[in-house]
Amino acid sequence: GDGREVPTPPQAKTIQCFNIHSSATGINFFGAGRSRPGELQEYDPPNIGDGLVEVVATYGVAHLSAVRLGLGHSHRLAQGRVVEMVLREAQPVQVDGEPWLQPPAVIRMSLQGKVPFVLGRGTTLNVPHMP
């Protein structure tokens, strides 16, 4: 992110990019706690209002299950205002539940404006403080 090249771990099965605390029915991919060796070490805790995109990898069904159960977090790769992914060969891609086979491309992601949303009662983890 932000001009720094980050290689995809060879064992990665998926890469997720997001700017919200949780996705995919409530999974907190970025997770809490300290980063493991080989992961992104310096980062700001994810926050929907900070203008940053978080990038993580998962290693398969067992890893994804552990993350889903709150027993760990995805492999933290990067965090930045601009994230660019270079696909050197066709890859399956999914955005907001819509899948397709993406031919080789450069995919550039950054946040473009803000959309109001309704926040229900309950935890407000990683949500900007509202007076």
N, C-alpha and C. Protein backbone atom coordinates (compact mmCIF):
# COMPACT_ATOMS: atom_id res chain seq x y z
N GLY A 1 0.82 -1.19 0.00
CA GLY A 1 0.00 0.00 0.00
C GLY A 1 0.86 1.25 0.00
N ASP A 2 0.35 2.29 -0.59
CA ASP A 2 0.98 3.61 -0.61
C ASP A 2 2.41 3.58 -1.12
N GLY A 3 2.65 2.93 -2.26
CA GLY A 3 3.96 2.94 -2.89
C GLY A 3 4.92 1.87 -2.43
N ARG A 4 4.54 1.05 -1.48
CA ARG A 4 5.40 -0.01 -0.97
C ARG A 4 4.95 -1.34 -1.57
N GLU A 5 5.87 -2.06 -2.20
CA GLU A 5 5.53 -3.35 -2.79
C GLU A 5 5.49 -4.42 -1.71
N VAL A 6 4.40 -5.18 -1.70
CA VAL A 6 4.22 -6.25 -0.72
C VAL A 6 3.94 -7.54 -1.49
N PRO A 7 4.83 -8.53 -1.40
CA PRO A 7 4.58 -9.77 -2.12
C PRO A 7 3.44 -10.57 -1.49
N THR A 8 2.73 -11.30 -2.33
CA THR A 8 1.69 -12.20 -1.84
C THR A 8 2.36 -13.44 -1.27
N PRO A 9 2.02 -13.84 -0.04
CA PRO A 9 2.61 -15.06 0.51
C PRO A 9 2.30 -16.25 -0.40
N PRO A 10 3.28 -17.11 -0.66
CA PRO A 10 3.06 -18.22 -1.60
C PRO A 10 1.94 -19.16 -1.18
N GLN A 11 1.68 -19.29 0.12
CA GLN A 11 0.64 -20.20 0.58
C GLN A 11 -0.75 -19.56 0.63
N ALA A 12 -0.86 -18.27 0.27
CA ALA A 12 -2.15 -17.57 0.32
C ALA A 12 -3.14 -18.15 -0.67
N LYS A 13 -4.36 -18.36 -0.21
CA LYS A 13 -5.45 -18.83 -1.07
C LYS A 13 -6.37 -17.67 -1.43
N THR A 14 -6.48 -16.66 -0.55
CA THR A 14 -7.32 -15.50 -0.83
C THR A 14 -6.62 -14.23 -0.35
N ILE A 15 -6.97 -13.13 -0.99
CA ILE A 15 -6.55 -11.79 -0.56
C ILE A 15 -7.84 -10.99 -0.39
N GLN A 16 -7.98 -10.33 0.76
CA GLN A 16 -9.14 -9.49 0.99
C GLN A 16 -8.68 -8.05 1.18
N CYS A 17 -9.44 -7.13 0.59
CA CYS A 17 -9.21 -5.69 0.75
C CYS A 17 -10.50 -5.10 1.28
N PHE A 18 -10.42 -4.30 2.33
CA PHE A 18 -11.63 -3.76 2.93
C PHE A 18 -11.32 -2.51 3.72
N ASN A 19 -12.35 -1.78 4.07
CA ASN A 19 -12.19 -0.61 4.92
C ASN A 19 -13.25 -0.58 6.01
N ILE A 20 -13.79 -1.75 6.31
CA ILE A 20 -14.79 -1.87 7.37
C ILE A 20 -14.28 -2.87 8.40
N HIS A 21 -14.84 -2.80 9.60
CA HIS A 21 -14.36 -3.66 10.68
C HIS A 21 -14.59 -5.13 10.40
N SER A 22 -15.72 -5.48 9.82
CA SER A 22 -16.00 -6.89 9.56
C SER A 22 -16.76 -7.03 8.25
N SER A 23 -16.67 -8.21 7.69
CA SER A 23 -17.38 -8.50 6.45
C SER A 23 -17.70 -9.98 6.40
N ALA A 24 -18.33 -10.41 5.32
CA ALA A 24 -18.67 -11.82 5.15
C ALA A 24 -19.40 -12.35 6.38
N THR A 25 -20.53 -11.78 6.67
CA THR A 25 -21.37 -12.15 7.82
C THR A 25 -20.68 -11.99 9.17
N GLY A 26 -19.90 -10.94 9.29
CA GLY A 26 -19.35 -10.59 10.60
C GLY A 26 -17.94 -11.05 10.90
N ILE A 27 -17.21 -11.54 9.93
CA ILE A 27 -15.84 -11.99 10.18
C ILE A 27 -14.92 -10.77 10.30
N ASN A 28 -14.14 -10.73 11.37
CA ASN A 28 -13.16 -9.67 11.56
C ASN A 28 -11.82 -10.18 11.02
N PHE A 29 -11.62 -10.01 9.72
CA PHE A 29 -10.42 -10.55 9.08
C PHE A 29 -9.13 -9.94 9.64
N PHE A 30 -9.13 -8.63 9.89
CA PHE A 30 -7.91 -7.99 10.41
C PHE A 30 -7.63 -8.45 11.83
N GLY A 31 -8.68 -8.68 12.59
CA GLY A 31 -8.55 -9.22 13.94
C GLY A 31 -7.94 -8.25 14.93
N ALA A 32 -7.75 -8.76 16.11
CA ALA A 32 -7.15 -7.99 17.20
C ALA A 32 -5.85 -8.67 17.61
N GLY A 33 -5.15 -8.06 18.51
CA GLY A 33 -3.92 -8.66 18.99
C GLY A 33 -2.73 -8.30 18.13
N ARG A 34 -1.59 -8.80 18.55
CA ARG A 34 -0.33 -8.48 17.88
C ARG A 34 -0.17 -9.23 16.58
N SER A 35 0.57 -8.61 15.68
CA SER A 35 0.89 -9.27 14.41
C SER A 35 1.95 -10.34 14.65
N ARG A 36 1.85 -11.39 13.86
CA ARG A 36 2.84 -12.46 13.90
C ARG A 36 4.06 -12.05 13.07
N PRO A 37 5.20 -12.72 13.27
CA PRO A 37 6.37 -12.43 12.42
C PRO A 37 6.01 -12.60 10.95
N GLY A 38 6.52 -11.72 10.11
CA GLY A 38 6.24 -11.79 8.68
C GLY A 38 5.00 -11.02 8.26
N GLU A 39 4.25 -10.52 9.22
CA GLU A 39 3.06 -9.73 8.92
C GLU A 39 3.37 -8.24 9.04
N LEU A 40 2.42 -7.44 8.62
CA LEU A 40 2.48 -6.00 8.82
C LEU A 40 2.60 -5.73 10.32
N GLN A 41 3.64 -5.00 10.73
CA GLN A 41 3.88 -4.76 12.15
C GLN A 41 3.40 -3.39 12.60
N GLU A 42 3.51 -2.40 11.75
CA GLU A 42 3.09 -1.05 12.12
C GLU A 42 1.84 -0.69 11.34
N TYR A 43 0.76 -0.45 12.06
CA TYR A 43 -0.51 -0.13 11.42
C TYR A 43 -1.40 0.63 12.39
N ASP A 44 -2.39 1.29 11.84
CA ASP A 44 -3.42 1.92 12.65
C ASP A 44 -4.56 0.91 12.76
N PRO A 45 -5.19 0.78 13.91
CA PRO A 45 -6.33 -0.13 14.01
C PRO A 45 -7.38 0.25 12.95
N PRO A 46 -7.97 -0.74 12.27
CA PRO A 46 -8.96 -0.43 11.24
C PRO A 46 -10.07 0.46 11.78
N ASN A 47 -10.48 1.41 10.96
CA ASN A 47 -11.49 2.38 11.35
C ASN A 47 -12.20 2.82 10.07
N ILE A 48 -13.50 2.74 10.03
CA ILE A 48 -14.23 3.04 8.79
C ILE A 48 -14.07 4.48 8.34
N GLY A 49 -13.63 5.36 9.21
CA GLY A 49 -13.51 6.76 8.84
C GLY A 49 -12.10 7.24 8.59
N ASP A 50 -11.11 6.34 8.55
CA ASP A 50 -9.72 6.79 8.45
C ASP A 50 -9.18 6.92 7.02
N GLY A 51 -9.96 6.50 6.02
CA GLY A 51 -9.51 6.61 4.64
C GLY A 51 -8.51 5.56 4.22
N LEU A 52 -8.27 4.54 5.06
CA LEU A 52 -7.30 3.49 4.75
C LEU A 52 -7.99 2.21 4.29
N VAL A 53 -7.31 1.49 3.41
CA VAL A 53 -7.75 0.17 2.96
C VAL A 53 -6.85 -0.86 3.62
N GLU A 54 -7.43 -1.86 4.26
CA GLU A 54 -6.66 -2.95 4.85
C GLU A 54 -6.59 -4.11 3.85
N VAL A 55 -5.43 -4.78 3.82
CA VAL A 55 -5.22 -5.91 2.92
C VAL A 55 -4.70 -7.08 3.74
N VAL A 56 -5.40 -8.23 3.64
CA VAL A 56 -5.02 -9.42 4.39
C VAL A 56 -5.09 -10.64 3.47
N ALA A 57 -4.47 -11.73 3.91
CA ALA A 57 -4.51 -12.99 3.17
C ALA A 57 -5.01 -14.09 4.10
N THR A 58 -5.66 -15.10 3.52
CA THR A 58 -6.00 -16.31 4.27
C THR A 58 -5.38 -17.49 3.53
N TYR A 59 -5.17 -18.57 4.28
CA TYR A 59 -4.41 -19.72 3.76
C TYR A 59 -5.24 -20.96 3.46
N GLY A 60 -6.54 -20.86 3.54
CA GLY A 60 -7.38 -22.00 3.24
C GLY A 60 -8.51 -22.14 4.24
N VAL A 61 -9.24 -23.22 4.13
CA VAL A 61 -10.45 -23.43 4.92
C VAL A 61 -10.15 -23.46 6.42
N ALA A 62 -9.10 -24.16 6.84
CA ALA A 62 -8.79 -24.25 8.27
C ALA A 62 -8.45 -22.87 8.84
N HIS A 63 -7.65 -22.09 8.12
CA HIS A 63 -7.28 -20.75 8.57
C HIS A 63 -8.52 -19.85 8.61
N LEU A 64 -9.32 -19.89 7.56
CA LEU A 64 -10.53 -19.09 7.51
C LEU A 64 -11.49 -19.46 8.64
N SER A 65 -11.59 -20.74 8.95
CA SER A 65 -12.45 -21.19 10.05
C SER A 65 -11.94 -20.66 11.39
N ALA A 66 -10.64 -20.68 11.60
CA ALA A 66 -10.07 -20.15 12.84
C ALA A 66 -10.36 -18.66 12.97
N VAL A 67 -10.23 -17.93 11.87
CA VAL A 67 -10.52 -16.49 11.88
C VAL A 67 -12.00 -16.28 12.19
N ARG A 68 -12.86 -17.06 11.55
CA ARG A 68 -14.32 -16.95 11.76
C ARG A 68 -14.69 -17.21 13.21
N LEU A 69 -14.00 -18.12 13.86
CA LEU A 69 -14.30 -18.46 15.25
C LEU A 69 -13.61 -17.53 16.24
N GLY A 70 -12.85 -16.55 15.74
CA GLY A 70 -12.17 -15.61 16.61
C GLY A 70 -10.92 -16.18 17.25
N LEU A 71 -10.36 -17.23 16.67
CA LEU A 71 -9.16 -17.88 17.22
C LEU A 71 -7.87 -17.36 16.60
N GLY A 72 -7.99 -16.33 15.80
CA GLY A 72 -6.81 -15.75 15.16
C GLY A 72 -7.25 -14.67 14.21
N HIS A 73 -6.33 -14.24 13.38
CA HIS A 73 -6.66 -13.23 12.37
C HIS A 73 -5.99 -13.61 11.06
N SER A 74 -6.46 -12.98 9.99
CA SER A 74 -5.85 -13.21 8.69
C SER A 74 -4.44 -12.65 8.70
N HIS A 75 -3.64 -13.06 7.73
CA HIS A 75 -2.26 -12.57 7.60
C HIS A 75 -2.32 -11.12 7.14
N ARG A 76 -1.89 -10.21 7.99
CA ARG A 76 -1.94 -8.77 7.69
C ARG A 76 -0.83 -8.42 6.70
N LEU A 77 -1.23 -7.96 5.52
CA LEU A 77 -0.27 -7.65 4.47
C LEU A 77 0.05 -6.17 4.37
N ALA A 78 -0.97 -5.33 4.36
CA ALA A 78 -0.73 -3.90 4.13
C ALA A 78 -1.91 -3.07 4.58
N GLN A 79 -1.66 -1.78 4.64
CA GLN A 79 -2.69 -0.80 4.95
C GLN A 79 -2.26 0.49 4.26
N GLY A 80 -3.16 1.10 3.50
CA GLY A 80 -2.77 2.32 2.83
C GLY A 80 -3.94 3.07 2.24
N ARG A 81 -3.68 4.29 1.83
CA ARG A 81 -4.71 5.12 1.20
C ARG A 81 -4.95 4.68 -0.25
N VAL A 82 -3.92 4.14 -0.89
CA VAL A 82 -4.04 3.61 -2.24
C VAL A 82 -3.43 2.21 -2.24
N VAL A 83 -4.18 1.24 -2.72
CA VAL A 83 -3.70 -0.14 -2.81
C VAL A 83 -3.80 -0.55 -4.28
N GLU A 84 -2.70 -1.07 -4.80
CA GLU A 84 -2.66 -1.51 -6.19
C GLU A 84 -2.29 -2.98 -6.22
N MET A 85 -3.11 -3.77 -6.91
CA MET A 85 -2.83 -5.21 -7.05
C MET A 85 -2.54 -5.49 -8.52
N VAL A 86 -1.46 -6.20 -8.77
CA VAL A 86 -1.08 -6.56 -10.13
C VAL A 86 -1.40 -8.04 -10.33
N LEU A 87 -2.32 -8.31 -11.25
CA LEU A 87 -2.68 -9.69 -11.58
C LEU A 87 -1.95 -10.06 -12.86
N ARG A 88 -1.00 -10.96 -12.75
CA ARG A 88 -0.20 -11.34 -13.91
C ARG A 88 -0.86 -12.43 -14.75
N GLU A 89 -1.87 -13.06 -14.18
CA GLU A 89 -2.66 -14.07 -14.90
C GLU A 89 -4.10 -13.94 -14.44
N ALA A 90 -5.01 -14.56 -15.17
CA ALA A 90 -6.43 -14.49 -14.82
C ALA A 90 -6.64 -15.05 -13.41
N GLN A 91 -7.47 -14.36 -12.63
CA GLN A 91 -7.75 -14.76 -11.24
C GLN A 91 -9.24 -14.61 -10.96
N PRO A 92 -9.82 -15.52 -10.17
CA PRO A 92 -11.20 -15.30 -9.74
C PRO A 92 -11.24 -14.13 -8.75
N VAL A 93 -12.20 -13.24 -8.95
CA VAL A 93 -12.35 -12.04 -8.12
C VAL A 93 -13.80 -11.97 -7.66
N GLN A 94 -14.00 -11.43 -6.48
CA GLN A 94 -15.36 -11.23 -5.97
C GLN A 94 -15.42 -9.88 -5.28
N VAL A 95 -16.39 -9.06 -5.66
CA VAL A 95 -16.61 -7.76 -5.04
C VAL A 95 -18.06 -7.68 -4.62
N ASP A 96 -18.30 -7.45 -3.35
CA ASP A 96 -19.66 -7.37 -2.81
C ASP A 96 -20.52 -8.55 -3.24
N GLY A 97 -19.95 -9.75 -3.23
CA GLY A 97 -20.70 -10.95 -3.55
C GLY A 97 -20.82 -11.28 -5.02
N GLU A 98 -20.29 -10.42 -5.89
CA GLU A 98 -20.38 -10.65 -7.33
C GLU A 98 -19.06 -11.21 -7.86
N PRO A 99 -19.04 -12.49 -8.26
CA PRO A 99 -17.79 -13.10 -8.74
C PRO A 99 -17.62 -12.98 -10.26
N TRP A 100 -16.37 -13.00 -10.70
CA TRP A 100 -16.04 -13.07 -12.12
C TRP A 100 -14.58 -13.51 -12.26
N LEU A 101 -14.20 -13.90 -13.46
CA LEU A 101 -12.81 -14.25 -13.74
C LEU A 101 -12.16 -13.00 -14.34
N GLN A 102 -11.22 -12.42 -13.60
CA GLN A 102 -10.56 -11.18 -14.00
C GLN A 102 -9.33 -11.50 -14.83
N PRO A 103 -9.27 -11.02 -16.08
CA PRO A 103 -8.05 -11.21 -16.87
C PRO A 103 -6.89 -10.43 -16.25
N PRO A 104 -5.66 -10.66 -16.69
CA PRO A 104 -4.52 -9.90 -16.16
C PRO A 104 -4.82 -8.41 -16.17
N ALA A 105 -4.48 -7.75 -15.07
CA ALA A 105 -4.81 -6.33 -14.93
C ALA A 105 -4.07 -5.72 -13.75
N VAL A 106 -4.13 -4.42 -13.66
CA VAL A 106 -3.70 -3.69 -12.48
C VAL A 106 -4.98 -3.14 -11.85
N ILE A 107 -5.25 -3.52 -10.62
CA ILE A 107 -6.44 -3.07 -9.90
C ILE A 107 -5.99 -2.06 -8.85
N ARG A 108 -6.52 -0.87 -8.95
CA ARG A 108 -6.14 0.22 -8.03
C ARG A 108 -7.34 0.57 -7.16
N MET A 109 -7.14 0.53 -5.84
CA MET A 109 -8.23 0.81 -4.90
C MET A 109 -7.88 1.98 -4.01
N SER A 110 -8.85 2.87 -3.85
CA SER A 110 -8.75 3.96 -2.89
C SER A 110 -10.18 4.35 -2.54
N LEU A 111 -10.34 4.99 -1.42
CA LEU A 111 -11.67 5.38 -0.99
C LEU A 111 -12.08 6.65 -1.72
N GLN A 112 -13.30 6.67 -2.19
CA GLN A 112 -13.81 7.79 -2.97
C GLN A 112 -15.06 8.35 -2.29
N GLY A 113 -14.91 9.28 -1.40
CA GLY A 113 -16.05 9.88 -0.73
C GLY A 113 -16.57 9.01 0.40
N LYS A 114 -17.70 9.43 0.94
CA LYS A 114 -18.29 8.71 2.07
C LYS A 114 -19.78 8.54 1.83
N VAL A 115 -20.32 7.46 2.35
CA VAL A 115 -21.74 7.17 2.25
C VAL A 115 -22.29 7.03 3.65
N PRO A 116 -23.39 7.73 3.98
CA PRO A 116 -23.97 7.57 5.31
C PRO A 116 -24.47 6.14 5.51
N PHE A 117 -24.44 5.67 6.74
CA PHE A 117 -24.93 4.33 7.03
C PHE A 117 -25.59 4.34 8.40
N VAL A 118 -26.40 3.33 8.65
CA VAL A 118 -27.08 3.19 9.92
C VAL A 118 -26.26 2.23 10.77
N LEU A 119 -25.97 2.63 11.99
CA LEU A 119 -25.21 1.80 12.92
C LEU A 119 -26.16 1.38 14.03
N GLY A 120 -26.41 0.09 14.13
CA GLY A 120 -27.33 -0.42 15.14
C GLY A 120 -26.72 -0.42 16.53
N ARG A 121 -27.50 -0.82 17.49
CA ARG A 121 -27.01 -0.91 18.86
C ARG A 121 -26.00 -2.03 18.98
N GLY A 122 -25.18 -1.96 19.99
CA GLY A 122 -24.19 -3.01 20.20
C GLY A 122 -22.80 -2.44 20.12
N THR A 123 -21.87 -3.30 19.83
CA THR A 123 -20.47 -2.90 19.81
C THR A 123 -20.19 -1.88 18.72
N THR A 124 -19.33 -0.95 19.00
CA THR A 124 -18.92 0.04 18.01
C THR A 124 -17.40 -0.04 17.83
N LEU A 125 -16.87 -1.24 17.90
CA LEU A 125 -15.44 -1.45 17.73
C LEU A 125 -14.97 -0.87 16.40
N ASN A 126 -13.91 -0.11 16.46
CA ASN A 126 -13.28 0.49 15.29
C ASN A 126 -14.17 1.46 14.52
N VAL A 127 -15.14 2.03 15.20
CA VAL A 127 -15.98 3.06 14.60
C VAL A 127 -15.53 4.39 15.17
N PRO A 128 -15.42 5.43 14.32
CA PRO A 128 -14.96 6.72 14.84
C PRO A 128 -15.83 7.19 15.99
N HIS A 129 -15.22 7.85 16.93
CA HIS A 129 -15.95 8.38 18.08
C HIS A 129 -16.94 9.44 17.59
N MET A 130 -18.17 9.32 18.02
CA MET A 130 -19.18 10.29 17.64
C MET A 130 -19.64 11.01 18.91
N PRO A 131 -19.59 12.35 18.92
CA PRO A 131 -19.98 13.10 20.12
C PRO A 131 -21.44 12.95 20.46
